[in-house]
Protein backbone atom coordinates (compact mmCIF):
# COMPACT_ATOMS: atom_id res chain seq x y z
CA MET A 1 -16.41 -17.70 -33.20
CA GLU A 2 -15.64 -14.34 -31.60
CA VAL A 3 -14.04 -14.27 -28.17
CA ASP A 4 -15.73 -12.05 -25.58
CA ILE A 5 -13.04 -9.61 -24.44
CA SER A 6 -15.29 -7.35 -22.39
CA LEU A 7 -14.24 -6.41 -18.87
CA SER A 8 -16.27 -5.97 -15.72
CA PRO A 9 -17.79 -2.51 -15.19
CA ARG A 10 -15.82 -2.28 -11.93
CA VAL A 11 -12.48 -2.56 -13.71
CA SER A 12 -13.60 -0.43 -16.65
CA SER A 13 -14.42 2.42 -14.27
CA LEU A 14 -10.88 2.44 -12.85
CA LYS A 15 -8.25 4.89 -13.96
CA PRO A 16 -4.68 3.59 -14.14
CA SER A 17 -2.23 5.07 -11.66
CA LYS A 18 -0.69 8.16 -13.23
CA THR A 19 2.39 7.71 -11.09
CA ILE A 20 2.92 4.18 -12.40
CA ALA A 21 2.10 5.23 -15.96
CA ILE A 22 4.72 7.97 -16.10
CA THR A 23 7.20 5.78 -14.20
CA ASP A 24 6.73 3.08 -16.84
CA GLN A 25 7.32 5.70 -19.54
CA ALA A 26 10.55 6.73 -17.84
CA THR A 27 11.63 3.10 -17.52
CA ALA A 28 11.17 2.64 -21.27
CA LEU A 29 13.39 5.67 -21.89
CA VAL A 30 16.08 4.32 -19.57
CA GLN A 31 15.99 0.96 -21.34
CA SER A 32 16.49 2.74 -24.65
CA GLY A 33 19.60 4.47 -23.28
CA VAL A 34 18.15 7.84 -22.26
CA PRO A 35 19.34 9.00 -18.81
CA VAL A 36 16.33 9.96 -16.68
CA ILE A 37 16.20 11.68 -13.31
CA ARG A 38 13.46 9.80 -11.42
CA LEU A 39 11.47 11.85 -8.94
CA ALA A 40 7.99 10.33 -9.26
CA ALA A 41 7.84 7.31 -6.99
CA GLY A 42 7.46 8.03 -3.27
CA GLU A 43 10.62 6.30 -2.14
CA PRO A 44 13.33 7.48 0.25
CA ASP A 45 16.72 7.38 -1.44
CA PHE A 46 18.31 5.92 1.71
CA ASP A 47 19.14 2.26 2.18
CA THR A 48 17.15 0.32 4.75
CA PRO A 49 18.95 0.77 8.11
CA ALA A 50 21.52 -1.96 8.66
CA VAL A 51 19.90 -3.37 11.81
CA ILE A 52 16.63 -3.92 9.92
CA ALA A 53 18.34 -5.45 6.89
CA GLU A 54 20.34 -7.79 9.12
CA ALA A 55 17.15 -8.99 10.81
CA GLY A 56 15.77 -9.91 7.40
CA MET A 57 18.94 -11.74 6.40
CA LYS A 58 19.01 -13.58 9.72
CA ALA A 59 15.44 -14.70 9.13
CA ILE A 60 16.54 -16.26 5.84
CA ARG A 61 19.60 -17.91 7.40
CA ASP A 62 17.43 -19.29 10.22
CA GLY A 63 14.97 -20.78 7.74
CA TYR A 64 12.19 -18.40 8.74
CA THR A 65 10.67 -18.63 5.28
CA LYS A 66 7.32 -20.36 5.83
CA CYS A 67 3.87 -18.79 5.77
CA THR A 68 2.84 -16.83 8.85
CA PRO A 69 -0.67 -16.41 10.24
CA ASN A 70 -2.91 -14.40 7.92
CA ALA A 71 -3.09 -11.48 10.36
CA GLY A 72 0.68 -11.41 10.89
CA THR A 73 2.94 -12.91 13.53
CA LEU A 74 1.98 -12.36 17.14
CA GLU A 75 5.48 -10.98 17.70
CA LEU A 76 5.00 -8.19 15.17
CA ARG A 77 1.39 -7.42 16.09
CA SER A 78 2.39 -7.14 19.75
CA ALA A 79 5.24 -4.79 18.79
CA ILE A 80 2.80 -2.67 16.76
CA CYS A 81 0.43 -2.48 19.75
CA HIS A 82 3.30 -1.26 21.92
CA LYS A 83 4.29 1.32 19.32
CA LEU A 84 0.75 2.67 18.95
CA LYS A 85 0.36 2.96 22.74
CA GLU A 86 3.71 4.65 23.35
CA GLU A 87 3.91 6.90 20.31
CA ASN A 88 0.28 7.57 19.38
CA GLY A 89 -1.63 7.24 22.63
CA ILE A 90 -4.04 4.62 21.28
CA SER A 91 -4.52 1.16 22.77
CA TYR A 92 -5.07 -2.00 20.78
CA THR A 93 -4.73 -5.72 21.35
CA PRO A 94 -3.03 -8.00 18.78
CA ASP A 95 -6.41 -9.23 17.49
CA GLN A 96 -7.17 -5.60 16.51
CA ILE A 97 -4.12 -5.46 14.22
CA LEU A 98 -3.86 -6.78 10.66
CA VAL A 99 -0.43 -6.92 9.01
CA SER A 100 -0.57 -6.65 5.22
CA ASN A 101 1.66 -6.53 2.17
CA GLY A 102 2.14 -2.78 2.44
CA ALA A 103 -0.08 0.04 3.69
CA LYS A 104 -1.67 0.21 0.23
CA GLN A 105 -3.22 -3.20 0.71
CA SER A 106 -4.46 -2.21 4.17
CA LEU A 107 -6.13 0.90 2.75
CA LEU A 108 -7.86 -0.99 -0.05
CA GLN A 109 -9.11 -3.72 2.27
CA ALA A 110 -10.48 -1.10 4.67
CA VAL A 111 -12.45 0.58 1.89
CA LEU A 112 -13.77 -2.75 0.62
CA ALA A 113 -14.77 -3.86 4.12
CA VAL A 114 -16.62 -0.68 5.07
CA CYS A 115 -18.19 0.63 1.85
CA SER A 116 -21.24 -0.64 -0.04
CA PRO A 117 -22.37 0.22 -3.59
CA GLY A 118 -23.67 3.78 -3.67
CA ASP A 119 -21.75 4.93 -0.59
CA GLU A 120 -19.63 8.07 -0.78
CA VAL A 121 -15.97 8.29 0.22
CA ILE A 122 -14.99 11.84 1.19
CA ILE A 123 -11.45 12.75 0.08
CA PRO A 124 -9.80 16.16 0.62
CA ALA A 125 -7.71 17.36 -2.33
CA PRO A 126 -4.88 17.18 -3.21
CA PHE A 127 -4.83 13.44 -2.58
CA TRP A 128 -2.83 10.33 -3.24
CA VAL A 129 -4.01 9.05 -6.61
CA SER A 130 -5.12 5.61 -5.37
CA TYR A 131 -7.77 6.82 -2.90
CA THR A 132 -10.38 7.54 -5.57
CA GLU A 133 -9.79 4.27 -7.41
CA MET A 134 -10.04 2.27 -4.19
CA ALA A 135 -13.46 3.83 -3.68
CA ARG A 136 -14.47 2.86 -7.20
CA LEU A 137 -13.31 -0.73 -6.64
CA ALA A 138 -15.81 -0.86 -3.76
CA ASP A 139 -18.53 0.51 -6.08
CA ALA A 140 -18.52 3.66 -3.97
CA THR A 141 -18.35 7.23 -5.23
CA PRO A 142 -15.35 9.43 -4.40
CA VAL A 143 -16.35 12.95 -3.36
CA ILE A 144 -13.46 15.42 -3.59
CA LEU A 145 -13.31 18.37 -1.18
CA PRO A 146 -11.30 21.39 -2.36
CA THR A 147 -8.52 22.95 -0.33
CA HIS A 148 -6.32 25.94 -1.10
CA ILE A 149 -2.60 26.54 -1.29
CA SER A 150 -3.06 29.77 0.67
CA GLU A 151 -4.31 27.66 3.59
CA ASP A 152 -1.55 25.04 3.22
CA PHE A 153 -4.12 22.63 1.74
CA LEU A 154 -5.84 22.10 5.09
CA LEU A 155 -9.48 20.99 4.93
CA ASP A 156 -12.02 23.62 5.96
CA PRO A 157 -14.44 21.96 8.42
CA LYS A 158 -17.32 24.02 7.00
CA ILE A 159 -16.74 22.55 3.54
CA LEU A 160 -16.69 19.06 5.04
CA GLU A 161 -19.95 19.71 6.86
CA SER A 162 -21.61 21.03 3.70
CA LYS A 163 -20.67 17.93 1.67
CA LEU A 164 -21.80 15.23 4.08
CA SER A 165 -25.01 13.47 3.10
CA GLU A 166 -26.95 10.32 3.92
CA LYS A 167 -24.65 8.52 1.48
CA SER A 168 -21.42 9.57 3.23
CA ARG A 169 -19.69 6.50 4.61
CA LEU A 170 -15.97 7.13 4.88
CA LEU A 171 -13.72 10.15 5.32
CA VAL A 172 -10.08 9.71 4.29
CA ILE A 173 -7.58 11.79 6.26
CA GLY A 174 -3.88 11.65 5.40
CA THR A 175 -1.54 13.44 7.78
CA PRO A 176 1.20 14.16 6.88
CA SER A 177 -0.25 14.08 3.41
CA ASN A 178 0.91 12.85 0.06
CA PRO A 179 1.45 14.96 -2.06
CA ALA A 180 1.22 18.29 -0.22
CA GLY A 181 3.10 17.44 2.97
CA THR A 182 0.21 18.93 4.96
CA VAL A 183 0.20 18.19 8.69
CA TYR A 184 -3.17 18.64 10.39
CA PRO A 185 -2.92 20.46 13.73
CA ARG A 186 -4.71 18.79 16.62
CA LYS A 187 -7.28 21.59 17.00
CA LEU A 188 -8.38 21.24 13.37
CA LEU A 189 -8.64 17.46 13.72
CA GLU A 190 -10.80 17.98 16.80
CA GLN A 191 -13.15 20.21 14.78
CA ILE A 192 -13.35 17.56 12.06
CA ALA A 193 -14.02 14.90 14.70
CA GLN A 194 -16.95 16.90 16.08
CA ILE A 195 -18.51 17.11 12.63
CA VAL A 196 -17.98 13.40 12.02
CA ALA A 197 -19.54 12.50 15.40
CA ALA A 198 -22.63 14.60 14.68
CA HIS A 199 -23.37 13.13 11.26
CA PRO A 200 -26.67 11.19 11.39
CA ARG A 201 -25.69 8.06 9.48
CA LEU A 202 -22.24 7.92 11.00
CA LEU A 203 -23.56 7.89 14.55
CA VAL A 204 -23.89 4.13 14.23
CA SER A 205 -21.01 2.25 15.77
CA SER A 206 -18.94 1.85 12.63
CA PRO A 207 -15.60 3.24 11.52
CA HIS A 208 -16.04 6.10 9.14
CA VAL A 209 -12.62 7.71 9.22
CA LEU A 210 -9.72 6.09 7.40
CA SER A 211 -6.58 7.67 8.81
CA ASP A 212 -3.51 7.23 6.61
CA GLU A 213 -0.48 7.88 8.83
CA ILE A 214 2.29 6.33 6.75
CA TYR A 215 4.41 9.53 6.89
CA GLU A 216 3.94 10.21 10.60
CA HIS A 217 7.66 10.13 11.47
CA ILE A 218 8.73 12.30 8.53
CA ILE A 219 7.65 15.58 10.08
CA TYR A 220 9.34 18.94 10.61
CA ALA A 221 9.20 21.03 13.77
CA PRO A 222 7.19 22.82 14.98
CA ALA A 223 4.60 20.51 13.39
CA THR A 224 3.55 17.51 15.47
CA HIS A 225 1.60 14.39 14.56
CA THR A 226 -1.82 13.52 16.03
CA SER A 227 -3.45 10.17 15.39
CA PHE A 228 -7.14 10.63 14.62
CA ALA A 229 -8.09 7.59 16.72
CA SER A 230 -6.56 9.25 19.79
CA LEU A 231 -9.17 12.04 19.74
CA PRO A 232 -12.11 11.78 22.18
CA GLY A 233 -14.77 9.42 20.87
CA MET A 234 -12.87 8.56 17.68
CA TRP A 235 -11.27 5.22 18.58
CA GLU A 236 -14.43 3.31 17.68
CA ARG A 237 -14.89 5.32 14.47
CA THR A 238 -11.38 5.11 13.03
CA LEU A 239 -9.35 2.64 11.03
CA THR A 240 -5.68 3.62 11.28
CA VAL A 241 -3.28 2.58 8.53
CA ASN A 242 0.49 2.78 8.84
CA GLY A 243 3.54 0.88 7.70
CA PHE A 244 7.30 0.68 7.41
CA SER A 245 8.04 1.82 3.87
CA LYS A 246 8.56 5.57 4.28
CA ALA A 247 10.08 6.23 7.70
CA PHE A 248 12.29 3.14 7.67
CA ALA A 249 13.15 3.24 3.94
CA MET A 250 11.56 -0.19 3.46
CA THR A 251 9.40 0.37 0.36
CA GLY A 252 10.40 -2.89 -1.30
CA TRP A 253 9.83 -4.95 1.84
CA ARG A 254 6.04 -4.43 1.37
CA LEU A 255 4.92 -4.29 4.99
CA GLY A 256 2.04 -2.29 6.41
CA TYR A 257 -0.70 -2.64 8.99
CA LEU A 258 -4.24 -1.70 9.95
CA ALA A 259 -5.49 -1.02 13.48
CA GLY A 260 -9.11 -0.65 14.54
CA PRO A 261 -12.14 -2.25 16.16
CA LYS A 262 -11.91 -6.04 16.00
CA HIS A 263 -15.06 -6.53 13.92
CA PHE A 264 -13.75 -4.42 11.05
CA VAL A 265 -10.17 -5.61 11.27
CA SER A 266 -11.48 -9.19 11.06
CA ALA A 267 -13.47 -8.25 7.97
CA CYS A 268 -10.33 -6.87 6.36
CA GLY A 269 -8.52 -10.05 7.34
CA LYS A 270 -11.20 -12.11 5.60
CA ILE A 271 -10.52 -10.22 2.37
CA GLN A 272 -6.78 -10.66 2.78
CA SER A 273 -7.16 -14.41 3.40
CA GLN A 274 -8.71 -14.77 -0.05
CA ALA A 275 -6.25 -12.43 -1.77
CA THR A 276 -2.65 -12.70 -0.61
CA SER A 277 -2.73 -14.38 2.81
CA GLY A 278 -0.16 -13.14 5.31
CA ALA A 279 2.70 -10.75 4.64
CA CYS A 280 6.24 -11.94 3.91
CA SER A 281 7.73 -13.74 6.92
CA ILE A 282 11.14 -12.19 6.32
CA SER A 283 9.71 -8.68 6.12
CA GLN A 284 7.85 -9.23 9.39
CA LYS A 285 11.07 -10.09 11.20
CA ALA A 286 12.57 -6.91 9.73
CA GLY A 287 9.52 -4.97 10.93
CA VAL A 288 10.06 -6.16 14.49
CA ALA A 289 13.65 -4.91 14.26
CA ALA A 290 12.45 -1.56 12.90
CA LEU A 291 10.09 -1.04 15.82
CA GLY A 292 12.95 -2.00 18.13
CA LEU A 293 15.02 1.01 17.03
CA GLY A 294 13.35 3.17 19.65
CA TYR A 295 10.77 5.93 19.85
CA ALA A 296 9.90 7.22 16.36
CA GLY A 297 12.63 5.07 14.85
CA GLY A 298 15.44 6.44 16.97
CA GLU A 299 18.62 7.87 15.50
CA ALA A 300 18.30 5.98 12.19
CA VAL A 301 15.03 7.70 11.27
CA ALA A 302 16.08 11.04 12.79
CA THR A 303 19.12 11.09 10.50
CA MET A 304 16.95 10.62 7.42
CA VAL A 305 14.42 13.22 8.55
CA LYS A 306 17.22 15.75 9.12
CA ALA A 307 18.39 15.23 5.55
CA PHE A 308 14.83 15.52 4.21
CA LYS A 309 14.43 18.82 6.06
CA GLU A 310 17.64 20.22 4.59
CA ARG A 311 16.46 19.25 1.10
CA ARG A 312 13.01 20.70 1.73
CA ASP A 313 14.51 24.01 2.82
CA TYR A 314 16.69 24.15 -0.27
CA LEU A 315 13.85 23.36 -2.67
CA VAL A 316 11.38 25.72 -1.02
CA GLN A 317 13.87 28.54 -1.44
CA THR A 318 14.96 27.77 -4.99
CA PHE A 319 11.58 26.89 -6.46
CA GLY A 320 10.22 29.98 -4.75
CA GLU A 321 12.51 31.99 -7.02
CA LEU A 322 11.09 30.42 -10.19
CA GLU A 323 8.72 32.77 -11.98
CA GLY A 324 5.10 31.68 -12.16
CA VAL A 325 5.38 28.95 -9.51
CA LYS A 326 3.40 28.97 -6.26
CA ILE A 327 4.61 26.87 -3.37
CA SER A 328 3.34 25.77 0.03
CA GLU A 329 6.04 24.76 2.49
CA PRO A 330 5.40 21.14 3.52
CA GLN A 331 5.45 20.31 7.22
CA GLY A 332 5.80 16.57 6.67
CA ALA A 333 6.47 13.79 4.14
CA PHE A 334 9.11 14.39 1.42
CA TYR A 335 7.29 16.16 -1.38
CA LEU A 336 6.73 19.66 -2.67
CA PHE A 337 3.30 20.18 -4.20
CA LEU A 338 4.05 22.92 -6.73
CA ASP A 339 1.47 25.07 -8.49
CA PHE A 340 2.57 25.35 -12.14
CA SER A 341 -0.91 26.36 -13.33
CA SER A 342 0.34 29.67 -14.72
CA TYR A 343 2.00 27.63 -17.48
CA TYR A 344 -1.19 25.84 -18.52
CA GLY A 345 -2.53 26.89 -21.88
CA THR A 346 0.92 27.58 -23.34
CA GLU A 347 2.49 26.05 -26.41
CA ALA A 348 5.86 24.36 -25.89
CA GLU A 349 8.05 24.17 -28.98
CA GLY A 350 8.36 20.65 -30.29
CA PHE A 351 5.77 19.32 -27.85
CA GLY A 352 2.47 21.10 -28.18
CA LEU A 353 -0.08 22.41 -25.71
CA ILE A 354 0.59 22.21 -21.99
CA LYS A 355 -3.01 21.91 -20.84
CA ASP A 356 -2.69 20.38 -17.36
CA SER A 357 -0.32 18.83 -14.84
CA SER A 358 -0.16 15.49 -16.68
CA SER A 359 0.94 17.08 -19.94
CA LEU A 360 3.45 19.23 -18.05
CA CYS A 361 4.96 16.09 -16.52
CA ARG A 362 5.15 14.46 -19.96
CA TYR A 363 6.80 17.59 -21.38
CA LEU A 364 9.47 17.67 -18.66
CA LEU A 365 10.12 13.97 -19.15
CA ASP A 366 10.43 14.33 -22.92
CA LYS A 367 12.49 17.52 -22.96
CA ALA A 368 14.44 17.49 -19.70
CA GLN A 369 14.47 13.77 -18.86
CA VAL A 370 13.00 14.58 -15.42
CA ILE A 371 10.14 12.46 -14.13
CA PHE A 372 8.15 13.91 -11.26
CA GLN A 373 4.68 14.30 -9.79
CA GLY A 374 5.33 16.63 -6.94
CA VAL A 375 9.05 16.83 -6.18
CA PRO A 376 10.46 14.25 -3.77
CA PHE A 377 13.48 15.48 -1.81
CA MET A 378 16.15 13.34 -3.49
CA ALA A 379 19.70 14.11 -2.49
CA ASN A 380 22.15 14.46 -5.37
CA GLU A 381 19.60 15.24 -8.07
CA MET A 382 17.94 18.34 -6.59
CA LYS A 383 20.18 21.03 -8.07
CA VAL A 384 20.26 19.32 -11.47
CA GLU A 385 16.50 18.84 -11.53
CA ARG A 386 15.67 22.41 -10.52
CA GLY A 387 18.02 23.79 -13.15
CA LEU A 388 16.55 21.63 -15.91
CA ILE A 389 13.00 22.63 -15.06
CA GLU A 390 13.93 26.30 -14.90
CA ARG A 391 15.69 26.14 -18.25
CA HIS A 392 12.78 24.49 -20.01
CA LEU A 393 10.12 26.76 -18.54
CA SER A 394 11.93 30.10 -18.70
CA GLY A 395 11.20 30.66 -22.38
CA TRP A 396 7.46 30.26 -22.11
CA SER A 397 5.06 33.18 -22.26
CA ASN A 398 2.11 33.06 -19.86
């Protein structure tokens, strides 16, 4: 008797995360004894601030290791409400907050709660690789809007307007963005909000903007952050996702949150109750401590952002000197989104054809032991990594 090994069409339509795939490849090399410079995962290279770590350890010592409410502890949700009011100018009550196991879970649950089969999810490019696959998990269709490096990868409102249809259900806005570090100025967000408000289907009282603000505190003057829900008429139409992983160097703590109208937050909570239940109790105590550090994370976060800026400035200058590479200076997050397209179509000795960004990443991993998708601003590895890339690309003919 043959065993049926077929998979559901939903899973079959998914593409595996390229970031995870190349990270797994690098891990295999490390395990075989090959030293690899890891620049693919979006993780700060700082330790979690001591005050936050101590709050987590105290929670363990105090026996705070039982399950919490599915939506998160009232203590943390109240602290999040205070943060959103003081820092973002948007008002919520604790029952309009859902704490999840990382912002990634919050994003997925938002897409699943809002989208129906056949809906379209509008995503400006370049985009975080999981957005499109989250849409597919909801049986929705991702619609990619082009942007240009000459315009710092900012979405043109006219392009957005031209792509909206009766199927359009959700617009994903990430600011600052992963991977381009783009920060949307308030005036541009206001133009986008006007288009969203005028769209026929989206006039119904339902969220149709998913605002990913996980990098909001990693931002470089003169750029400033604007929460989409704070714009006139957008509170009711926006689901805001944020978390603790990037600004507070808490990636492994897996703690994020969703804020929005109660009806939709409750729907996301229903999904979470059948998937993971509430977030880690220890991480939630650490999250309360993180929000207690002061406005925008206080000195602890400011110190990390200062270092990220210094690294950004160095990499913008040095990669700008590399022949055939185009660069847009990021105003937020900790990535450079480099245009290596002038190298596509070339043959690399001992490797083969470099046909796209994925094969370029595999080439640099194989030949230079550098793993990257974009270039995170990692401290001690920047000079080494830039030199290796330059050495391996300098011999190519365009």
